[in-house]
Amino acid sequence: MKIGRIAGTVVSTVCSPVYEERKLLLCDLLDENQRPTGDYLIAVDQVGAGPGETVLILDEGNSARQIVALADAPIRAVVVGIVDELELGR
């Protein structure tokens, strides 16, 4: 699992049929202090996340395909939760 912040949506005029009814999100990855790392992922939205929200991202191809219930889908990352609060143990 990774933590990210939604920067926006990704629109593609040509795509795999798997993506036709799914929203793609551009996610800036965050470190443990919720600062951008400079890396990003494009992830399938499963929870209705929007711009500016902090989210949990499952970035494991096979697990991501299981979430969307399509074993052969070209999917690597899926947004699986919206973070309300992040508390670090000290």
N, C-alpha and C. Protein backbone atom coordinates (compact mmCIF):
# COMPACT_ATOMS: atom_id res chain seq x y z
N MET A 1 0.84 -1.18 0.00
CA MET A 1 0.00 0.00 0.00
C MET A 1 0.88 1.24 0.00
N LYS A 2 0.38 2.24 -0.68
CA LYS A 2 1.06 3.53 -0.73
C LYS A 2 0.05 4.61 -0.37
N ILE A 3 0.56 5.75 0.02
CA ILE A 3 -0.29 6.90 0.31
C ILE A 3 -0.05 7.94 -0.76
N GLY A 4 -1.12 8.53 -1.27
CA GLY A 4 -0.99 9.53 -2.31
C GLY A 4 -2.03 10.63 -2.17
N ARG A 5 -1.86 11.68 -2.95
CA ARG A 5 -2.84 12.77 -2.99
C ARG A 5 -3.28 12.91 -4.44
N ILE A 6 -4.56 13.01 -4.64
CA ILE A 6 -5.11 13.09 -5.99
C ILE A 6 -4.78 14.46 -6.59
N ALA A 7 -4.06 14.44 -7.71
CA ALA A 7 -3.70 15.67 -8.41
C ALA A 7 -4.71 16.00 -9.50
N GLY A 8 -5.41 14.98 -9.99
CA GLY A 8 -6.40 15.20 -11.05
C GLY A 8 -6.81 13.90 -11.69
N THR A 9 -7.56 14.02 -12.77
CA THR A 9 -8.00 12.83 -13.50
C THR A 9 -7.20 12.71 -14.79
N VAL A 10 -7.18 11.50 -15.32
CA VAL A 10 -6.50 11.22 -16.58
C VAL A 10 -7.56 10.87 -17.60
N VAL A 11 -7.51 11.53 -18.75
CA VAL A 11 -8.48 11.28 -19.82
C VAL A 11 -7.73 10.73 -21.02
N SER A 12 -8.26 9.65 -21.58
CA SER A 12 -7.65 9.03 -22.75
C SER A 12 -8.73 8.77 -23.79
N THR A 13 -8.47 9.18 -25.02
CA THR A 13 -9.47 8.95 -26.07
C THR A 13 -9.38 7.53 -26.63
N VAL A 14 -8.23 6.90 -26.49
CA VAL A 14 -8.05 5.52 -26.93
C VAL A 14 -7.55 4.73 -25.72
N CYS A 15 -8.29 3.69 -25.34
CA CYS A 15 -7.88 2.91 -24.17
C CYS A 15 -8.45 1.50 -24.25
N SER A 16 -7.94 0.65 -23.39
CA SER A 16 -8.46 -0.70 -23.27
C SER A 16 -9.92 -0.63 -22.84
N PRO A 17 -10.76 -1.54 -23.31
CA PRO A 17 -12.17 -1.54 -22.89
C PRO A 17 -12.36 -1.61 -21.38
N VAL A 18 -11.40 -2.14 -20.66
CA VAL A 18 -11.48 -2.22 -19.20
C VAL A 18 -11.63 -0.84 -18.57
N TYR A 19 -11.04 0.17 -19.18
CA TYR A 19 -11.04 1.52 -18.62
C TYR A 19 -12.25 2.37 -19.02
N GLU A 20 -13.08 1.89 -19.93
CA GLU A 20 -14.16 2.72 -20.46
C GLU A 20 -15.16 3.20 -19.41
N GLU A 21 -15.45 2.42 -18.41
CA GLU A 21 -16.41 2.82 -17.38
C GLU A 21 -15.72 3.14 -16.04
N ARG A 22 -14.41 3.36 -16.07
CA ARG A 22 -13.66 3.59 -14.84
C ARG A 22 -12.93 4.93 -14.90
N LYS A 23 -12.85 5.58 -13.74
CA LYS A 23 -12.14 6.85 -13.64
C LYS A 23 -10.68 6.58 -13.31
N LEU A 24 -9.78 7.21 -14.04
CA LEU A 24 -8.35 7.12 -13.78
C LEU A 24 -7.90 8.38 -13.06
N LEU A 25 -7.12 8.19 -11.99
CA LEU A 25 -6.66 9.31 -11.18
C LEU A 25 -5.14 9.43 -11.22
N LEU A 26 -4.66 10.65 -11.32
CA LEU A 26 -3.24 10.94 -11.21
C LEU A 26 -2.95 11.18 -9.73
N CYS A 27 -2.12 10.34 -9.14
CA CYS A 27 -1.86 10.37 -7.70
C CYS A 27 -0.40 10.73 -7.44
N ASP A 28 -0.17 11.85 -6.75
CA ASP A 28 1.17 12.18 -6.29
C ASP A 28 1.45 11.34 -5.05
N LEU A 29 2.55 10.60 -5.04
CA LEU A 29 2.89 9.78 -3.88
C LEU A 29 3.42 10.66 -2.76
N LEU A 30 3.10 10.27 -1.51
CA LEU A 30 3.48 11.04 -0.34
C LEU A 30 4.39 10.22 0.56
N ASP A 31 5.26 10.91 1.31
CA ASP A 31 6.09 10.22 2.31
C ASP A 31 5.31 10.12 3.62
N GLU A 32 5.95 9.62 4.66
CA GLU A 32 5.26 9.40 5.94
C GLU A 32 4.80 10.70 6.60
N ASN A 33 5.34 11.84 6.16
CA ASN A 33 4.92 13.14 6.69
C ASN A 33 3.95 13.86 5.75
N GLN A 34 3.42 13.10 4.80
CA GLN A 34 2.45 13.58 3.82
C GLN A 34 3.01 14.66 2.90
N ARG A 35 4.31 14.60 2.64
CA ARG A 35 4.95 15.50 1.68
C ARG A 35 5.15 14.74 0.37
N PRO A 36 4.96 15.40 -0.77
CA PRO A 36 5.16 14.74 -2.06
C PRO A 36 6.58 14.22 -2.22
N THR A 37 6.71 13.01 -2.76
CA THR A 37 8.02 12.41 -2.98
C THR A 37 8.58 12.78 -4.35
N GLY A 38 7.75 13.29 -5.23
CA GLY A 38 8.17 13.58 -6.60
C GLY A 38 7.78 12.46 -7.55
N ASP A 39 7.29 11.35 -7.02
CA ASP A 39 6.82 10.23 -7.84
C ASP A 39 5.30 10.29 -7.94
N TYR A 40 4.76 9.58 -8.93
CA TYR A 40 3.31 9.55 -9.10
C TYR A 40 2.88 8.20 -9.64
N LEU A 41 1.60 7.93 -9.56
CA LEU A 41 0.98 6.74 -10.15
C LEU A 41 -0.32 7.16 -10.82
N ILE A 42 -0.70 6.41 -11.82
CA ILE A 42 -2.04 6.54 -12.38
C ILE A 42 -2.79 5.32 -11.88
N ALA A 43 -3.90 5.56 -11.17
CA ALA A 43 -4.62 4.47 -10.52
C ALA A 43 -6.10 4.50 -10.87
N VAL A 44 -6.71 3.33 -10.90
CA VAL A 44 -8.14 3.20 -11.11
C VAL A 44 -8.86 3.57 -9.80
N ASP A 45 -9.88 4.40 -9.89
CA ASP A 45 -10.63 4.83 -8.71
C ASP A 45 -11.71 3.81 -8.38
N GLN A 46 -11.68 3.29 -7.15
CA GLN A 46 -12.71 2.35 -6.68
C GLN A 46 -13.56 2.95 -5.58
N VAL A 47 -13.24 4.16 -5.13
CA VAL A 47 -13.92 4.71 -3.95
C VAL A 47 -14.54 6.10 -4.15
N GLY A 48 -14.45 6.66 -5.33
CA GLY A 48 -15.03 7.98 -5.57
C GLY A 48 -14.17 9.12 -5.05
N ALA A 49 -12.86 8.97 -5.10
CA ALA A 49 -11.94 10.00 -4.62
C ALA A 49 -11.90 11.17 -5.60
N GLY A 50 -11.55 12.34 -5.06
CA GLY A 50 -11.47 13.53 -5.89
C GLY A 50 -10.20 14.31 -5.66
N PRO A 51 -9.97 15.34 -6.46
CA PRO A 51 -8.75 16.15 -6.37
C PRO A 51 -8.51 16.69 -4.96
N GLY A 52 -7.25 16.58 -4.52
CA GLY A 52 -6.85 17.08 -3.22
C GLY A 52 -7.00 16.09 -2.09
N GLU A 53 -7.71 14.99 -2.30
CA GLU A 53 -7.90 14.02 -1.22
C GLU A 53 -6.68 13.13 -1.08
N THR A 54 -6.40 12.74 0.16
CA THR A 54 -5.33 11.80 0.46
C THR A 54 -5.94 10.41 0.41
N VAL A 55 -5.27 9.48 -0.29
CA VAL A 55 -5.85 8.16 -0.55
C VAL A 55 -4.85 7.04 -0.28
N LEU A 56 -5.39 5.84 -0.09
CA LEU A 56 -4.60 4.61 -0.03
C LEU A 56 -4.59 4.00 -1.42
N ILE A 57 -3.41 3.62 -1.89
CA ILE A 57 -3.27 3.07 -3.22
C ILE A 57 -2.68 1.67 -3.12
N LEU A 58 -3.37 0.72 -3.71
CA LEU A 58 -2.85 -0.64 -3.81
C LEU A 58 -2.07 -0.70 -5.12
N ASP A 59 -0.76 -0.87 -5.03
CA ASP A 59 0.11 -0.84 -6.21
C ASP A 59 0.75 -2.20 -6.43
N GLU A 60 -0.07 -3.21 -6.60
CA GLU A 60 0.40 -4.56 -6.88
C GLU A 60 -0.53 -5.13 -7.94
N GLY A 61 -0.03 -5.32 -9.13
CA GLY A 61 -0.84 -5.71 -10.27
C GLY A 61 -1.88 -6.79 -10.03
N ASN A 62 -1.46 -7.95 -9.51
CA ASN A 62 -2.40 -9.04 -9.33
C ASN A 62 -3.48 -8.69 -8.31
N SER A 63 -3.08 -8.09 -7.21
CA SER A 63 -4.07 -7.68 -6.20
C SER A 63 -5.01 -6.63 -6.76
N ALA A 64 -4.50 -5.70 -7.54
CA ALA A 64 -5.33 -4.66 -8.15
C ALA A 64 -6.36 -5.29 -9.08
N ARG A 65 -5.94 -6.27 -9.86
CA ARG A 65 -6.88 -6.94 -10.76
C ARG A 65 -7.95 -7.70 -9.99
N GLN A 66 -7.60 -8.24 -8.83
CA GLN A 66 -8.59 -8.93 -8.00
C GLN A 66 -9.62 -7.95 -7.45
N ILE A 67 -9.20 -6.74 -7.11
CA ILE A 67 -10.13 -5.72 -6.61
C ILE A 67 -11.19 -5.39 -7.65
N VAL A 68 -10.79 -5.28 -8.91
CA VAL A 68 -11.75 -4.95 -9.97
C VAL A 68 -12.38 -6.20 -10.58
N ALA A 69 -12.01 -7.37 -10.07
CA ALA A 69 -12.58 -8.67 -10.48
C ALA A 69 -12.39 -8.96 -11.97
N LEU A 70 -11.22 -8.61 -12.49
CA LEU A 70 -10.88 -8.90 -13.89
C LEU A 70 -9.46 -9.46 -13.94
N ALA A 71 -9.33 -10.76 -14.03
CA ALA A 71 -8.04 -11.43 -13.92
C ALA A 71 -7.02 -11.04 -14.99
N ASP A 72 -7.48 -10.64 -16.16
CA ASP A 72 -6.54 -10.33 -17.25
C ASP A 72 -6.51 -8.84 -17.60
N ALA A 73 -7.04 -8.00 -16.73
CA ALA A 73 -7.09 -6.55 -16.99
C ALA A 73 -5.69 -5.93 -16.91
N PRO A 74 -5.40 -4.96 -17.79
CA PRO A 74 -4.11 -4.26 -17.73
C PRO A 74 -4.12 -3.17 -16.66
N ILE A 75 -4.26 -3.60 -15.40
CA ILE A 75 -4.35 -2.66 -14.28
C ILE A 75 -3.24 -2.97 -13.30
N ARG A 76 -2.56 -1.93 -12.83
CA ARG A 76 -1.48 -2.11 -11.85
C ARG A 76 -1.84 -1.51 -10.50
N ALA A 77 -2.49 -0.33 -10.49
CA ALA A 77 -2.75 0.38 -9.24
C ALA A 77 -4.22 0.75 -9.12
N VAL A 78 -4.74 0.66 -7.87
CA VAL A 78 -6.14 0.95 -7.60
C VAL A 78 -6.22 1.79 -6.32
N VAL A 79 -7.03 2.85 -6.35
CA VAL A 79 -7.31 3.61 -5.14
C VAL A 79 -8.37 2.83 -4.37
N VAL A 80 -8.00 2.41 -3.14
CA VAL A 80 -8.89 1.55 -2.35
C VAL A 80 -9.43 2.22 -1.09
N GLY A 81 -9.03 3.44 -0.79
CA GLY A 81 -9.53 4.11 0.39
C GLY A 81 -9.18 5.58 0.42
N ILE A 82 -10.01 6.35 1.13
CA ILE A 82 -9.75 7.77 1.35
C ILE A 82 -9.29 7.92 2.79
N VAL A 83 -8.15 8.60 2.98
CA VAL A 83 -7.56 8.75 4.32
C VAL A 83 -8.20 9.94 5.02
N ASP A 84 -8.77 9.67 6.20
CA ASP A 84 -9.33 10.76 7.02
C ASP A 84 -8.26 11.36 7.90
N GLU A 85 -7.40 10.50 8.44
CA GLU A 85 -6.36 10.96 9.35
C GLU A 85 -5.20 9.97 9.30
N LEU A 86 -3.99 10.49 9.42
CA LEU A 86 -2.80 9.65 9.45
C LEU A 86 -2.05 9.94 10.74
N GLU A 87 -1.88 8.90 11.56
CA GLU A 87 -1.20 9.05 12.84
C GLU A 87 0.04 8.16 12.83
N LEU A 88 1.18 8.76 13.08
CA LEU A 88 2.44 8.02 13.11
C LEU A 88 2.83 7.69 14.55
N GLY A 89 3.28 6.46 14.77
CA GLY A 89 3.80 6.10 16.09
C GLY A 89 5.17 6.70 16.28
N ARG A 90 5.42 7.21 17.45
CA ARG A 90 6.72 7.86 17.69
C ARG A 90 7.57 7.01 18.58
